[in-house]
């Protein structure tokens, strides 16, 4: 099993993403989200959990996590747009994260 050195910028972005996903988890219990529908809190909780799982995979430099993060990014942006909770900073941060992930993709491990 080969060990891959994670770039420093990716380490910083992973830590920031961990913190953002932990901070955003209580938001699923907010009155704003609850008013949007019965399944919206569950969907946002699932998407936040999926994002956390993808970040853990990226932390361990796994290629599957890149695709998992991309799918989660697209689904969460669609959800936030549909419930009028879209934020530019979330979009820009995720795009920057995806760019640095793409740069490091060739160094990542194929194995689970």
Protein backbone atom coordinates (compact mmCIF):
# COMPACT_ATOMS: atom_id res chain seq x y z
CA UNK A 1 0.00 0.00 0.00
CA UNK A 2 1.51 3.26 -1.06
CA UNK A 3 1.24 6.37 1.07
CA UNK A 4 0.74 9.64 -0.70
CA UNK A 5 1.79 12.96 0.77
CA UNK A 6 -1.18 15.30 0.84
CA UNK A 7 -0.39 18.83 -0.39
CA UNK A 8 -0.46 21.45 2.38
CA UNK A 9 -3.15 23.56 0.71
CA UNK A 10 -5.38 20.49 0.43
CA UNK A 11 -4.82 19.78 4.13
CA UNK A 12 -5.90 23.32 5.01
CA UNK A 13 -8.95 23.11 2.75
CA UNK A 14 -9.92 19.70 4.18
CA UNK A 15 -9.74 21.04 7.74
CA UNK A 16 -11.81 24.08 6.74
CA UNK A 17 -14.34 21.78 5.03
CA UNK A 18 -14.53 19.54 8.12
CA UNK A 19 -15.28 22.58 10.25
CA UNK A 20 -17.84 23.99 7.80
CA UNK A 21 -19.71 20.70 7.55
CA UNK A 22 -19.76 20.32 11.35
CA UNK A 23 -20.97 23.90 11.75
CA UNK A 24 -23.63 23.51 9.05
CA UNK A 25 -25.12 20.32 10.50
CA UNK A 26 -27.22 22.07 13.20
CA UNK A 27 -28.74 24.25 10.45
CA UNK A 28 -30.96 21.34 9.42
CA UNK A 29 -32.95 21.96 12.59
CA UNK A 30 -33.49 25.65 11.84
CA UNK A 31 -37.06 26.93 11.43
CA UNK A 32 -36.22 28.18 7.92
CA UNK A 33 -35.34 24.68 6.73
CA UNK A 34 -38.29 23.08 8.54
CA UNK A 35 -40.71 25.49 6.83
CA UNK A 36 -39.51 24.44 3.37
CA UNK A 37 -41.01 20.98 3.57
CA UNK A 38 -41.16 17.69 5.39
CA UNK A 39 -38.22 16.09 3.61
CA UNK A 40 -35.94 19.11 3.23
CA UNK A 41 -34.30 18.72 6.69
CA UNK A 42 -33.65 15.04 5.96
CA UNK A 43 -32.23 15.78 2.51
CA UNK A 44 -29.96 18.51 3.79
CA UNK A 45 -28.77 16.23 6.61
CA UNK A 46 -28.00 13.46 4.12
CA UNK A 47 -26.11 15.87 1.85
CA UNK A 48 -24.08 17.28 4.73
CA UNK A 49 -23.23 13.73 5.83
CA UNK A 50 -22.26 12.79 2.26
CA UNK A 51 -20.02 15.84 2.05
CA UNK A 52 -18.34 14.87 5.33
CA UNK A 53 -17.72 11.33 4.04
CA UNK A 54 -16.27 12.72 0.80
CA UNK A 55 -13.95 15.02 2.74
CA UNK A 56 -12.71 12.10 4.82
CA UNK A 57 -11.96 10.23 1.58
CA UNK A 58 -10.13 13.24 0.19
CA UNK A 59 -8.16 13.53 3.44
CA UNK A 60 -6.95 9.97 2.81
CA UNK A 61 -6.27 10.87 -0.85
CA UNK A 62 -8.77 8.46 -2.42
CA UNK A 63 -9.95 8.95 -6.00
CA UNK A 64 -13.50 7.77 -5.30
CA UNK A 65 -13.91 10.69 -2.90
CA UNK A 66 -13.39 13.21 -5.70
CA UNK A 67 -16.39 11.93 -7.61
CA UNK A 68 -18.41 11.56 -4.42
CA UNK A 69 -17.64 15.18 -3.49
CA UNK A 70 -18.53 16.38 -6.99
CA UNK A 71 -21.91 14.63 -6.90
CA UNK A 72 -22.57 15.93 -3.40
CA UNK A 73 -21.59 19.44 -4.49
CA UNK A 74 -24.01 19.36 -7.43
CA UNK A 75 -26.86 17.92 -5.38
CA UNK A 76 -26.41 20.33 -2.50
CA UNK A 77 -26.19 23.37 -4.79
CA UNK A 78 -29.41 22.20 -6.46
CA UNK A 79 -31.11 21.81 -3.09
CA UNK A 80 -29.97 25.21 -1.81
CA UNK A 81 -31.11 26.86 -5.04
CA UNK A 82 -34.52 25.19 -4.91
CA UNK A 83 -35.21 26.32 -1.33
CA UNK A 84 -33.76 29.84 -1.80
CA UNK A 85 -30.88 29.20 0.60
CA UNK A 86 -28.06 29.43 -1.95
CA UNK A 87 -24.94 31.30 -0.82
CA UNK A 88 -22.12 32.55 -3.02
CA UNK A 89 -19.44 31.82 -0.41
CA UNK A 90 -20.43 28.12 -0.23
CA UNK A 91 -20.32 27.85 -4.00
CA UNK A 92 -16.94 29.62 -4.31
CA UNK A 93 -15.36 27.65 -1.45
CA UNK A 94 -16.50 24.34 -2.94
CA UNK A 95 -15.24 25.34 -6.39
CA UNK A 96 -11.83 26.26 -4.99
CA UNK A 97 -11.76 22.95 -3.13
CA UNK A 98 -12.66 21.08 -6.32
CA UNK A 99 -9.91 22.86 -8.25
CA UNK A 100 -7.25 21.85 -5.73
CA UNK A 101 -8.65 18.32 -5.63
CA UNK A 102 -8.42 18.12 -9.43
CA UNK A 103 -4.80 19.27 -9.33
CA UNK A 104 -3.98 16.51 -6.82
CA UNK A 105 -6.09 13.83 -8.52
CA UNK A 106 -3.21 11.98 -10.19
CA UNK A 107 -1.45 11.58 -6.83
CA UNK A 108 -4.50 9.95 -5.25
CA UNK A 109 -4.90 6.27 -4.53
CA UNK A 110 -7.19 4.05 -6.64
CA UNK A 111 -7.88 1.60 -3.81
CA UNK A 112 -10.64 1.91 -1.29
